[in-house]
């Protein structure tokens, strides 16, 4: 940009949705989001959804592709034609989480097909991570499938779970066993809210193990598609508080927080890291007349 700032875009392509962020920053610092766009993929062509989301974001930010210093992809968008570079998802979620919740030193990214815990330093640099590996029972797609079976709109899941006074726990290891548990609970006449609360608690127990495995302490930022599920957030904090009290007395407390823009953490992180990378490459180009820096060419970062 002529004023010395950088205008960059981050495109986060997940299994069920596409998120786009357009940011203005000073090489990734002092970032201001000019546009945040989220579109569900549903049964549409992924490429069409990416194109529509990007155009919607550009329209909201009053800019075009030529006005952007760097277009950075993350998630499943590695082969996007007009992108300048690509960053791995855990890197972008860590950077985005620090932007949204500066005091966080770990991230819990709850996606459609997997969940992962990421430890990071104060700049958002990843220092450790773990991912669910057994099956989809700790993921957003699993929860969405159960909500559909129960006839509950996804946006009502958190509210019903929080209103529950009892917990009907299901398997936390296998989604097939968990679905069987839910069918049996429905046949028994268990209240819908109690079933959803039980699922949240079962998932929370599994995720708490991920957080302990990476040595999480203090504030943890909740990102990904389940970041706005109040029932999930409440269950996580209840399970973590109970673990600290019963199993690890004296251990530093872990508190999970979310942010209204938490589902955009990957896209925000990609946009900010893209600005940093753009400035870094420009500095290298100026530093050497014989440089072989491929300014404008596509790169993959880790």
C-alpha atoms as a PDB file:
ATOM      1  CA  UNK A   1       0.000   0.000   0.000  1.00  0.00           C
ATOM      2  CA  UNK A   2       1.196   3.585  -0.650  1.00  0.00           C
ATOM      3  CA  UNK A   3       0.759   4.535   3.022  1.00  0.00           C
ATOM      4  CA  UNK A   4       3.291   1.894   4.135  1.00  0.00           C
ATOM      5  CA  UNK A   5       0.713  -0.534   5.506  1.00  0.00           C
ATOM      6  CA  UNK A   6      -0.131  -3.911   4.028  1.00  0.00           C
ATOM      7  CA  UNK A   7      -3.499  -5.079   2.804  1.00  0.00           C
ATOM      8  CA  UNK A   8      -3.617  -8.867   2.680  1.00  0.00           C
ATOM      9  CA  UNK A   9      -6.167 -11.684   2.446  1.00  0.00           C
ATOM     10  CA  UNK A  10      -6.358 -14.995   4.281  1.00  0.00           C
ATOM     11  CA  UNK A  11      -8.492 -17.835   2.891  1.00  0.00           C
ATOM     12  CA  UNK A  12      -9.233 -20.758   5.211  1.00  0.00           C
ATOM     13  CA  UNK A  13     -10.870 -23.736   3.486  1.00  0.00           C
ATOM     14  CA  UNK A  14     -12.282 -26.375   5.794  1.00  0.00           C
ATOM     15  CA  UNK A  15     -14.356 -29.489   5.279  1.00  0.00           C
ATOM     16  CA  UNK A  16     -17.691 -27.738   5.704  1.00  0.00           C
ATOM     17  CA  UNK A  17     -17.049 -24.025   5.154  1.00  0.00           C
ATOM     18  CA  UNK A  18     -14.803 -21.321   3.710  1.00  0.00           C
ATOM     19  CA  UNK A  19     -13.670 -18.310   5.728  1.00  0.00           C
ATOM     20  CA  UNK A  20     -12.015 -15.212   4.244  1.00  0.00           C
ATOM     21  CA  UNK A  21     -10.357 -12.315   6.089  1.00  0.00           C
ATOM     22  CA  UNK A  22      -9.021  -9.126   4.518  1.00  0.00           C
ATOM     23  CA  UNK A  23      -6.710  -7.236   6.856  1.00  0.00           C
ATOM     24  CA  UNK A  24      -4.754  -4.014   6.908  1.00  0.00           C
ATOM     25  CA  UNK A  25      -1.627  -4.208   9.074  1.00  0.00           C
ATOM     26  CA  UNK A  26       1.967  -3.166   9.525  1.00  0.00           C
ATOM     27  CA  UNK A  27       3.737  -6.352   8.423  1.00  0.00           C
ATOM     28  CA  UNK A  28       1.222  -8.343  10.463  1.00  0.00           C
ATOM     29  CA  UNK A  29       1.225  -6.080  13.532  1.00  0.00           C
ATOM     30  CA  UNK A  30      -1.523  -3.615  14.544  1.00  0.00           C
ATOM     31  CA  UNK A  31      -3.966  -5.512  12.335  1.00  0.00           C
ATOM     32  CA  UNK A  32      -7.447  -4.243  11.511  1.00  0.00           C
ATOM     33  CA  UNK A  33      -9.931  -6.542   9.826  1.00  0.00           C
ATOM     34  CA  UNK A  34     -11.616  -4.856   6.843  1.00  0.00           C
ATOM     35  CA  UNK A  35     -13.778  -7.862   5.933  1.00  0.00           C
ATOM     36  CA  UNK A  36     -14.673 -11.226   7.435  1.00  0.00           C
ATOM     37  CA  UNK A  37     -16.752 -13.608   5.315  1.00  0.00           C
ATOM     38  CA  UNK A  38     -17.997 -17.116   6.051  1.00  0.00           C
ATOM     39  CA  UNK A  39     -19.874 -19.381   3.620  1.00  0.00           C
ATOM     40  CA  UNK A  40     -20.979 -22.973   4.158  1.00  0.00           C
ATOM     41  CA  UNK A  41     -19.955 -25.402   1.404  1.00  0.00           C
ATOM     42  CA  UNK A  42     -22.942 -27.713   1.795  1.00  0.00           C
ATOM     43  CA  UNK A  43     -23.238 -29.534  -1.564  1.00  0.00           C
ATOM     44  CA  UNK A  44     -21.683 -26.801  -3.694  1.00  0.00           C
ATOM     45  CA  UNK A  45     -18.427 -27.031  -5.631  1.00  0.00           C
ATOM     46  CA  UNK A  46     -15.620 -25.996  -3.250  1.00  0.00           C
ATOM     47  CA  UNK A  47     -13.927 -23.861  -5.908  1.00  0.00           C
ATOM     48  CA  UNK A  48     -17.169 -21.946  -6.493  1.00  0.00           C
ATOM     49  CA  UNK A  49     -17.573 -21.330  -2.757  1.00  0.00           C
ATOM     50  CA  UNK A  50     -13.983 -20.061  -2.463  1.00  0.00           C
ATOM     51  CA  UNK A  51     -14.509 -17.706  -5.414  1.00  0.00           C
ATOM     52  CA  UNK A  52     -17.836 -16.424  -4.078  1.00  0.00           C
ATOM     53  CA  UNK A  53     -16.441 -15.932  -0.562  1.00  0.00           C
ATOM     54  CA  UNK A  54     -13.361 -14.093  -1.824  1.00  0.00           C
ATOM     55  CA  UNK A  55     -15.426 -11.795  -4.053  1.00  0.00           C
ATOM     56  CA  UNK A  56     -17.827 -11.056  -1.189  1.00  0.00           C
ATOM     57  CA  UNK A  57     -14.898 -10.165   1.081  1.00  0.00           C
ATOM     58  CA  UNK A  58     -13.298  -7.932  -1.575  1.00  0.00           C
ATOM     59  CA  UNK A  59     -16.618  -6.166  -2.093  1.00  0.00           C
ATOM     60  CA  UNK A  60     -16.979  -5.568   1.663  1.00  0.00           C
ATOM     61  CA  UNK A  61     -13.409  -4.226   1.856  1.00  0.00           C
ATOM     62  CA  UNK A  62     -13.844  -2.150  -1.340  1.00  0.00           C
ATOM     63  CA  UNK A  63     -10.823  -3.686  -3.025  1.00  0.00           C
ATOM     64  CA  UNK A  64      -9.849  -6.096  -5.784  1.00  0.00           C
ATOM     65  CA  UNK A  65      -7.180  -8.779  -6.166  1.00  0.00           C
ATOM     66  CA  UNK A  66      -4.680  -6.218  -7.528  1.00  0.00           C
ATOM     67  CA  UNK A  67      -5.065  -4.111  -4.370  1.00  0.00           C
ATOM     68  CA  UNK A  68      -3.826  -6.958  -2.154  1.00  0.00           C
ATOM     69  CA  UNK A  69      -0.127  -7.306  -1.270  1.00  0.00           C
ATOM     70  CA  UNK A  70      -0.430 -11.004  -0.455  1.00  0.00           C
ATOM     71  CA  UNK A  71      -3.153 -13.662  -0.664  1.00  0.00           C
ATOM     72  CA  UNK A  72      -2.457 -16.454   1.805  1.00  0.00           C
ATOM     73  CA  UNK A  73      -4.313 -19.747   1.959  1.00  0.00           C
ATOM     74  CA  UNK A  74      -4.590 -22.243   4.805  1.00  0.00           C
ATOM     75  CA  UNK A  75      -6.452 -25.475   5.465  1.00  0.00           C
ATOM     76  CA  UNK A  76      -7.421 -27.401   2.322  1.00  0.00           C
ATOM     77  CA  UNK A  77      -6.770 -24.525  -0.105  1.00  0.00           C
ATOM     78  CA  UNK A  78      -3.135 -25.275  -0.930  1.00  0.00           C
ATOM     79  CA  UNK A  79      -3.658 -25.414  -4.708  1.00  0.00           C
ATOM     80  CA  UNK A  80      -5.609 -22.168  -5.099  1.00  0.00           C
ATOM     81  CA  UNK A  81      -4.461 -20.544  -8.345  1.00  0.00           C
ATOM     82  CA  UNK A  82      -4.411 -16.863  -7.377  1.00  0.00           C
ATOM     83  CA  UNK A  83      -2.831 -17.370  -3.942  1.00  0.00           C
ATOM     84  CA  UNK A  84       0.645 -15.999  -3.193  1.00  0.00           C
ATOM     85  CA  UNK A  85       1.483 -18.487  -0.434  1.00  0.00           C
ATOM     86  CA  UNK A  86       0.158 -21.145   1.929  1.00  0.00           C
ATOM     87  CA  UNK A  87       0.551 -21.658   5.694  1.00  0.00           C
ATOM     88  CA  UNK A  88      -0.316 -24.759   7.711  1.00  0.00           C
ATOM     89  CA  UNK A  89      -3.520 -24.593   9.713  1.00  0.00           C
ATOM     90  CA  UNK A  90      -2.034 -24.865  13.181  1.00  0.00           C
ATOM     91  CA  UNK A  91       0.299 -21.934  12.386  1.00  0.00           C
ATOM     92  CA  UNK A  92      -2.525 -19.689  11.204  1.00  0.00           C
ATOM     93  CA  UNK A  93      -4.873 -20.659  14.050  1.00  0.00           C
ATOM     94  CA  UNK A  94      -2.154 -19.831  16.585  1.00  0.00           C
ATOM     95  CA  UNK A  95      -1.512 -16.413  14.986  1.00  0.00           C
ATOM     96  CA  UNK A  96      -5.213 -15.670  14.670  1.00  0.00           C
ATOM     97  CA  UNK A  97      -5.889 -16.726  18.261  1.00  0.00           C
ATOM     98  CA  UNK A  98      -3.200 -14.370  19.604  1.00  0.00           C
ATOM     99  CA  UNK A  99      -4.754 -11.533  17.596  1.00  0.00           C
ATOM    100  CA  UNK A 100      -8.233 -12.208  19.015  1.00  0.00           C
ATOM    101  CA  UNK A 101      -7.277 -13.214  22.584  1.00  0.00           C
ATOM    102  CA  UNK A 102      -3.773 -11.800  23.299  1.00  0.00           C
ATOM    103  CA  UNK A 103      -3.476 -13.470  26.714  1.00  0.00           C
ATOM    104  CA  UNK A 104      -4.004 -16.988  25.274  1.00  0.00           C
ATOM    105  CA  UNK A 105      -1.021 -19.356  25.258  1.00  0.00           C
ATOM    106  CA  UNK A 106      -2.783 -22.344  23.680  1.00  0.00           C
ATOM    107  CA  UNK A 107      -5.490 -22.983  21.078  1.00  0.00           C
ATOM    108  CA  UNK A 108      -8.200 -25.614  20.899  1.00  0.00           C
ATOM    109  CA  UNK A 109      -9.263 -25.804  17.257  1.00  0.00           C
ATOM    110  CA  UNK A 110     -12.517 -27.764  16.920  1.00  0.00           C
ATOM    111  CA  UNK A 111     -13.048 -28.520  13.235  1.00  0.00           C
ATOM    112  CA  UNK A 112     -15.546 -30.597  11.301  1.00  0.00           C
ATOM    113  CA  UNK A 113     -13.349 -33.701  10.987  1.00  0.00           C
ATOM    114  CA  UNK A 114     -10.668 -33.271  13.613  1.00  0.00           C
ATOM    115  CA  UNK A 115      -9.783 -31.392  16.752  1.00  0.00           C
ATOM    116  CA  UNK A 116      -6.332 -30.244  17.784  1.00  0.00           C
ATOM    117  CA  UNK A 117      -4.631 -28.573  20.706  1.00  0.00           C
ATOM    118  CA  UNK A 118      -1.809 -26.128  19.975  1.00  0.00           C
ATOM    119  CA  UNK A 119       0.619 -24.602  22.477  1.00  0.00           C
ATOM    120  CA  UNK A 120       2.213 -21.287  21.489  1.00  0.00           C
ATOM    121  CA  UNK A 121       4.317 -18.402  22.774  1.00  0.00           C
ATOM    122  CA  UNK A 122       3.326 -14.738  23.072  1.00  0.00           C
ATOM    123  CA  UNK A 123       3.935 -14.111  19.355  1.00  0.00           C
ATOM    124  CA  UNK A 124       1.799 -17.039  18.258  1.00  0.00           C
ATOM    125  CA  UNK A 125       4.726 -19.332  17.424  1.00  0.00           C
ATOM    126  CA  UNK A 126       3.677 -22.991  17.751  1.00  0.00           C
ATOM    127  CA  UNK A 127       5.656 -24.852  20.417  1.00  0.00           C
ATOM    128  CA  UNK A 128       3.665 -28.099  20.704  1.00  0.00           C
ATOM    129  CA  UNK A 129       0.530 -29.726  19.341  1.00  0.00           C
ATOM    130  CA  UNK A 130      -1.658 -32.815  19.468  1.00  0.00           C
ATOM    131  CA  UNK A 131      -4.563 -33.918  17.288  1.00  0.00           C
ATOM    132  CA  UNK A 132      -7.447 -36.317  17.803  1.00  0.00           C
ATOM    133  CA  UNK A 133      -6.691 -39.489  15.903  1.00  0.00           C
ATOM    134  CA  UNK A 134      -9.059 -42.251  16.915  1.00  0.00           C
ATOM    135  CA  UNK A 135     -12.258 -41.246  15.115  1.00  0.00           C
ATOM    136  CA  UNK A 136     -14.693 -38.397  14.526  1.00  0.00           C
ATOM    137  CA  UNK A 137     -16.369 -38.536  17.967  1.00  0.00           C
ATOM    138  CA  UNK A 138     -14.644 -35.319  19.087  1.00  0.00           C
ATOM    139  CA  UNK A 139     -15.487 -33.223  16.052  1.00  0.00           C
ATOM    140  CA  UNK A 140     -18.027 -30.778  14.727  1.00  0.00           C
ATOM    141  CA  UNK A 141     -19.336 -33.139  12.055  1.00  0.00           C
ATOM    142  CA  UNK A 142     -20.175 -35.719  14.714  1.00  0.00           C
ATOM    143  CA  UNK A 143     -22.055 -33.165  16.802  1.00  0.00           C
ATOM    144  CA  UNK A 144     -23.882 -31.899  13.700  1.00  0.00           C
ATOM    145  CA  UNK A 145     -24.890 -35.472  12.825  1.00  0.00           C
ATOM    146  CA  UNK A 146     -26.301 -36.068  16.323  1.00  0.00           C
ATOM    147  CA  UNK A 147     -28.172 -32.731  16.269  1.00  0.00           C
ATOM    148  CA  UNK A 148     -29.743 -33.695  12.945  1.00  0.00           C
ATOM    149  CA  UNK A 149     -30.808 -37.077  14.366  1.00  0.00           C
ATOM    150  CA  UNK A 150     -32.376 -35.356  17.374  1.00  0.00           C
ATOM    151  CA  UNK A 151     -34.114 -32.817  15.123  1.00  0.00           C
ATOM    152  CA  UNK A 152     -32.347 -29.871  16.772  1.00  0.00           C
ATOM    153  CA  UNK A 153     -31.089 -26.881  14.734  1.00  0.00           C
ATOM    154  CA  UNK A 154     -27.328 -26.574  15.185  1.00  0.00           C
ATOM    155  CA  UNK A 155     -27.673 -23.024  16.546  1.00  0.00           C
ATOM    156  CA  UNK A 156     -29.905 -24.336  19.393  1.00  0.00           C
ATOM    157  CA  UNK A 157     -27.530 -27.103  20.551  1.00  0.00           C
ATOM    158  CA  UNK A 158     -25.554 -24.917  22.953  1.00  0.00           C
ATOM    159  CA  UNK A 159     -28.642 -23.355  24.535  1.00  0.00           C
ATOM    160  CA  UNK A 160     -30.341 -26.732  25.125  1.00  0.00           C
ATOM    161  CA  UNK A 161     -27.155 -28.215  26.563  1.00  0.00           C
ATOM    162  CA  UNK A 162     -26.658 -25.320  28.968  1.00  0.00           C
ATOM    163  CA  UNK A 163     -30.277 -25.535  30.166  1.00  0.00           C
ATOM    164  CA  UNK A 164     -29.857 -29.224  31.040  1.00  0.00           C
ATOM    165  CA  UNK A 165     -29.794 -30.220  34.723  1.00  0.00           C
ATOM    166  CA  UNK A 166     -28.569 -33.787  34.114  1.00  0.00           C
ATOM    167  CA  UNK A 167     -25.889 -35.449  32.011  1.00  0.00           C
ATOM    168  CA  UNK A 168     -26.442 -38.502  29.817  1.00  0.00           C
ATOM    169  CA  UNK A 169     -22.861 -39.316  28.815  1.00  0.00           C
ATOM    170  CA  UNK A 170     -22.018 -41.242  25.638  1.00  0.00           C
ATOM    171  CA  UNK A 171     -18.864 -42.915  24.354  1.00  0.00           C
ATOM    172  CA  UNK A 172     -15.977 -40.480  23.934  1.00  0.00           C
ATOM    173  CA  UNK A 173     -13.813 -42.886  21.934  1.00  0.00           C
ATOM    174  CA  UNK A 174     -15.932 -44.089  19.013  1.00  0.00           C
ATOM    175  CA  UNK A 175     -18.566 -42.146  17.044  1.00  0.00           C
ATOM    176  CA  UNK A 176     -20.412 -45.374  16.143  1.00  0.00           C
ATOM    177  CA  UNK A 177     -20.695 -46.350  19.813  1.00  0.00           C
ATOM    178  CA  UNK A 178     -21.715 -42.802  20.694  1.00  0.00           C
ATOM    179  CA  UNK A 179     -24.469 -42.816  18.061  1.00  0.00           C
ATOM    180  CA  UNK A 180     -25.704 -46.147  19.427  1.00  0.00           C
ATOM    181  CA  UNK A 181     -25.735 -44.640  22.921  1.00  0.00           C
ATOM    182  CA  UNK A 182     -27.815 -41.720  21.621  1.00  0.00           C
ATOM    183  CA  UNK A 183     -30.324 -44.037  19.927  1.00  0.00           C
ATOM    184  CA  UNK A 184     -30.731 -45.980  23.188  1.00  0.00           C
ATOM    185  CA  UNK A 185     -31.138 -42.757  25.182  1.00  0.00           C
ATOM    186  CA  UNK A 186     -33.842 -41.492  22.817  1.00  0.00           C
ATOM    187  CA  UNK A 187     -35.645 -44.851  23.052  1.00  0.00           C
ATOM    188  CA  UNK A 188     -35.486 -44.574  26.845  1.00  0.00           C
ATOM    189  CA  UNK A 189     -37.076 -41.115  26.697  1.00  0.00           C
ATOM    190  CA  UNK A 190     -34.082 -39.120  27.921  1.00  0.00           C
ATOM    191  CA  UNK A 191     -34.560 -35.345  27.473  1.00  0.00           C
ATOM    192  CA  UNK A 192     -32.857 -33.924  24.369  1.00  0.00           C
ATOM    193  CA  UNK A 193     -30.969 -31.320  26.391  1.00  0.00           C
ATOM    194  CA  UNK A 194     -29.530 -33.992  28.703  1.00  0.00           C
ATOM    195  CA  UNK A 195     -28.326 -36.022  25.707  1.00  0.00           C
ATOM    196  CA  UNK A 196     -26.643 -32.969  24.155  1.00  0.00           C
ATOM    197  CA  UNK A 197     -25.072 -32.095  27.499  1.00  0.00           C
ATOM    198  CA  UNK A 198     -23.741 -35.641  27.758  1.00  0.00           C
ATOM    199  CA  UNK A 199     -22.198 -35.419  24.288  1.00  0.00           C
ATOM    200  CA  UNK A 200     -20.585 -32.084  25.123  1.00  0.00           C
ATOM    201  CA  UNK A 201     -19.126 -33.524  28.345  1.00  0.00           C
ATOM    202  CA  UNK A 202     -17.873 -36.658  26.548  1.00  0.00           C
ATOM    203  CA  UNK A 203     -16.124 -34.550  23.902  1.00  0.00           C
ATOM    204  CA  UNK A 204     -14.774 -32.205  26.592  1.00  0.00           C
ATOM    205  CA  UNK A 205     -13.175 -35.102  28.502  1.00  0.00           C
ATOM    206  CA  UNK A 206     -11.342 -36.175  25.359  1.00  0.00           C
ATOM    207  CA  UNK A 207     -10.233 -32.627  24.516  1.00  0.00           C
ATOM    208  CA  UNK A 208      -9.025 -31.979  28.061  1.00  0.00           C
ATOM    209  CA  UNK A 209      -6.565 -34.843  27.567  1.00  0.00           C
ATOM    210  CA  UNK A 210      -5.230 -33.122  24.438  1.00  0.00           C
ATOM    211  CA  UNK A 211      -4.696 -29.895  26.375  1.00  0.00           C
ATOM    212  CA  UNK A 212      -2.889 -31.720  29.196  1.00  0.00           C
ATOM    213  CA  UNK A 213      -0.728 -33.534  26.617  1.00  0.00           C
ATOM    214  CA  UNK A 214       0.639 -30.248  25.209  1.00  0.00           C
ATOM    215  CA  UNK A 215       1.183 -28.813  28.698  1.00  0.00           C
ATOM    216  CA  UNK A 216      -1.452 -26.087  28.338  1.00  0.00           C
ATOM    217  CA  UNK A 217      -1.608 -23.522  31.158  1.00  0.00           C
ATOM    218  CA  UNK A 218      -3.691 -20.423  31.744  1.00  0.00           C
ATOM    219  CA  UNK A 219      -5.910 -19.129  28.931  1.00  0.00           C
ATOM    220  CA  UNK A 220      -6.811 -21.339  25.956  1.00  0.00           C
ATOM    221  CA  UNK A 221      -8.490 -19.835  22.864  1.00  0.00           C
ATOM    222  CA  UNK A 222     -11.333 -21.861  21.355  1.00  0.00           C
ATOM    223  CA  UNK A 223     -11.365 -21.638  17.529  1.00  0.00           C
ATOM    224  CA  UNK A 224     -12.915 -23.542  14.624  1.00  0.00           C
ATOM    225  CA  UNK A 225     -16.508 -24.311  13.750  1.00  0.00           C
ATOM    226  CA  UNK A 226     -17.561 -25.117  17.340  1.00  0.00           C
ATOM    227  CA  UNK A 227     -16.083 -21.917  18.773  1.00  0.00           C
ATOM    228  CA  UNK A 228     -19.564 -20.397  19.217  1.00  0.00           C
ATOM    229  CA  UNK A 229     -21.136 -23.470  20.837  1.00  0.00           C
ATOM    230  CA  UNK A 230     -21.815 -22.187  24.349  1.00  0.00           C
ATOM    231  CA  UNK A 231     -22.608 -25.707  25.563  1.00  0.00           C
ATOM    232  CA  UNK A 232     -19.209 -26.958  24.380  1.00  0.00           C
ATOM    233  CA  UNK A 233     -17.416 -24.032  26.012  1.00  0.00           C
ATOM    234  CA  UNK A 234     -19.247 -24.578  29.300  1.00  0.00           C
ATOM    235  CA  UNK A 235     -18.568 -28.322  29.314  1.00  0.00           C
ATOM    236  CA  UNK A 236     -14.872 -27.777  28.606  1.00  0.00           C
ATOM    237  CA  UNK A 237     -14.430 -25.369  31.483  1.00  0.00           C
ATOM    238  CA  UNK A 238     -16.453 -27.603  33.845  1.00  0.00           C
ATOM    239  CA  UNK A 239     -14.367 -30.690  32.984  1.00  0.00           C
ATOM    240  CA  UNK A 240     -11.058 -28.803  33.210  1.00  0.00           C
ATOM    241  CA  UNK A 241     -12.026 -27.281  36.574  1.00  0.00           C
ATOM    242  CA  UNK A 242     -13.064 -30.692  37.914  1.00  0.00           C
ATOM    243  CA  UNK A 243      -9.820 -32.299  36.674  1.00  0.00           C
ATOM    244  CA  UNK A 244      -7.734 -29.627  38.368  1.00  0.00           C
ATOM    245  CA  UNK A 245      -9.610 -30.008  41.637  1.00  0.00           C
ATOM    246  CA  UNK A 246      -9.771 -33.811  41.794  1.00  0.00           C
ATOM    247  CA  UNK A 247      -6.877 -35.174  39.735  1.00  0.00           C
ATOM    248  CA  UNK A 248      -4.329 -32.346  39.775  1.00  0.00           C
ATOM    249  CA  UNK A 249      -4.723 -30.288  42.962  1.00  0.00           C
ATOM    250  CA  UNK A 250      -2.304 -27.376  42.898  1.00  0.00           C
ATOM    251  CA  UNK A 251      -1.883 -27.440  39.113  1.00  0.00           C
ATOM    252  CA  UNK A 252      -2.289 -24.133  37.282  1.00  0.00           C
ATOM    253  CA  UNK A 253      -5.884 -23.618  36.182  1.00  0.00           C
ATOM    254  CA  UNK A 254      -6.800 -23.829  32.506  1.00  0.00           C
ATOM    255  CA  UNK A 255      -9.617 -21.578  31.270  1.00  0.00           C
ATOM    256  CA  UNK A 256     -11.030 -21.805  27.741  1.00  0.00           C
ATOM    257  CA  UNK A 257     -12.227 -18.559  26.159  1.00  0.00           C
ATOM    258  CA  UNK A 258     -13.783 -17.752  22.820  1.00  0.00           C
ATOM    259  CA  UNK A 259     -14.281 -14.584  20.747  1.00  0.00           C
ATOM    260  CA  UNK A 260     -17.096 -13.419  18.439  1.00  0.00           C
ATOM    261  CA  UNK A 261     -14.702 -13.784  15.469  1.00  0.00           C
ATOM    262  CA  UNK A 262     -13.121 -17.061  16.649  1.00  0.00           C
ATOM    263  CA  UNK A 263     -14.391 -19.069  13.657  1.00  0.00           C
ATOM    264  CA  UNK A 264     -12.232 -16.777  11.472  1.00  0.00           C
ATOM    265  CA  UNK A 265      -9.012 -17.411  13.446  1.00  0.00           C
ATOM    266  CA  UNK A 266      -7.363 -19.411  10.642  1.00  0.00           C
ATOM    267  CA  UNK A 267      -8.208 -16.830   7.960  1.00  0.00           C
ATOM    268  CA  UNK A 268      -7.161 -13.924  10.202  1.00  0.00           C
ATOM    269  CA  UNK A 269      -3.871 -15.636  11.024  1.00  0.00           C
ATOM    270  CA  UNK A 270      -3.242 -16.317   7.336  1.00  0.00           C
ATOM    271  CA  UNK A 271      -3.859 -12.666   6.416  1.00  0.00           C
ATOM    272  CA  UNK A 272      -1.490 -11.388   9.142  1.00  0.00           C
ATOM    273  CA  UNK A 273       1.233 -13.947   8.396  1.00  0.00           C
ATOM    274  CA  UNK A 274       0.918 -13.069   4.706  1.00  0.00           C
ATOM    275  CA  UNK A 275       1.668  -9.423   5.502  1.00  0.00           C
ATOM    276  CA  UNK A 276       4.724 -10.442   7.521  1.00  0.00           C
ATOM    277  CA  UNK A 277       5.943 -12.721   4.731  1.00  0.00           C
ATOM    278  CA  UNK A 278       5.383 -10.019   2.096  1.00  0.00           C
ATOM    279  CA  UNK A 279       7.467  -7.502   4.037  1.00  0.00           C
ATOM    280  CA  UNK A 280      10.175 -10.080   4.723  1.00  0.00           C
ATOM    281  CA  UNK A 281      10.505 -10.980   1.058  1.00  0.00           C
ATOM    282  CA  UNK A 282      10.540  -7.335   0.010  1.00  0.00           C
ATOM    283  CA  UNK A 283      13.321  -6.621   2.500  1.00  0.00           C
ATOM    284  CA  UNK A 284      15.389  -9.477   1.155  1.00  0.00           C
ATOM    285  CA  UNK A 285      14.914  -8.249  -2.423  1.00  0.00           C
ATOM    286  CA  UNK A 286      16.216  -4.798  -1.469  1.00  0.00           C
ATOM    287  CA  UNK A 287      19.160  -6.257   0.456  1.00  0.00           C
ATOM    288  CA  UNK A 288      20.776  -7.976  -2.510  1.00  0.00           C
ATOM    289  CA  UNK A 289      20.982  -6.921  -6.154  1.00  0.00           C
ATOM    290  CA  UNK A 290      21.664 -10.534  -7.109  1.00  0.00           C
ATOM    291  CA  UNK A 291      18.899 -11.967  -5.014  1.00  0.00           C
ATOM    292  CA  UNK A 292      16.992 -14.941  -6.317  1.00  0.00           C
ATOM    293  CA  UNK A 293      13.983 -14.159  -4.131  1.00  0.00           C
ATOM    294  CA  UNK A 294      10.929 -15.082  -6.134  1.00  0.00           C
ATOM    295  CA  UNK A 295       8.887 -12.000  -5.346  1.00  0.00           C
ATOM    296  CA  UNK A 296       5.339 -12.686  -6.378  1.00  0.00           C
ATOM    297  CA  UNK A 297       5.871 -16.414  -6.764  1.00  0.00           C
ATOM    298  CA  UNK A 298       3.943 -18.864  -4.645  1.00  0.00           C
ATOM    299  CA  UNK A 299       5.492 -20.322  -1.493  1.00  0.00           C
ATOM    300  CA  UNK A 300       4.544 -22.872   1.130  1.00  0.00           C
ATOM    301  CA  UNK A 301       5.263 -22.111   4.794  1.00  0.00           C
ATOM    302  CA  UNK A 302       5.078 -24.310   7.863  1.00  0.00           C
END
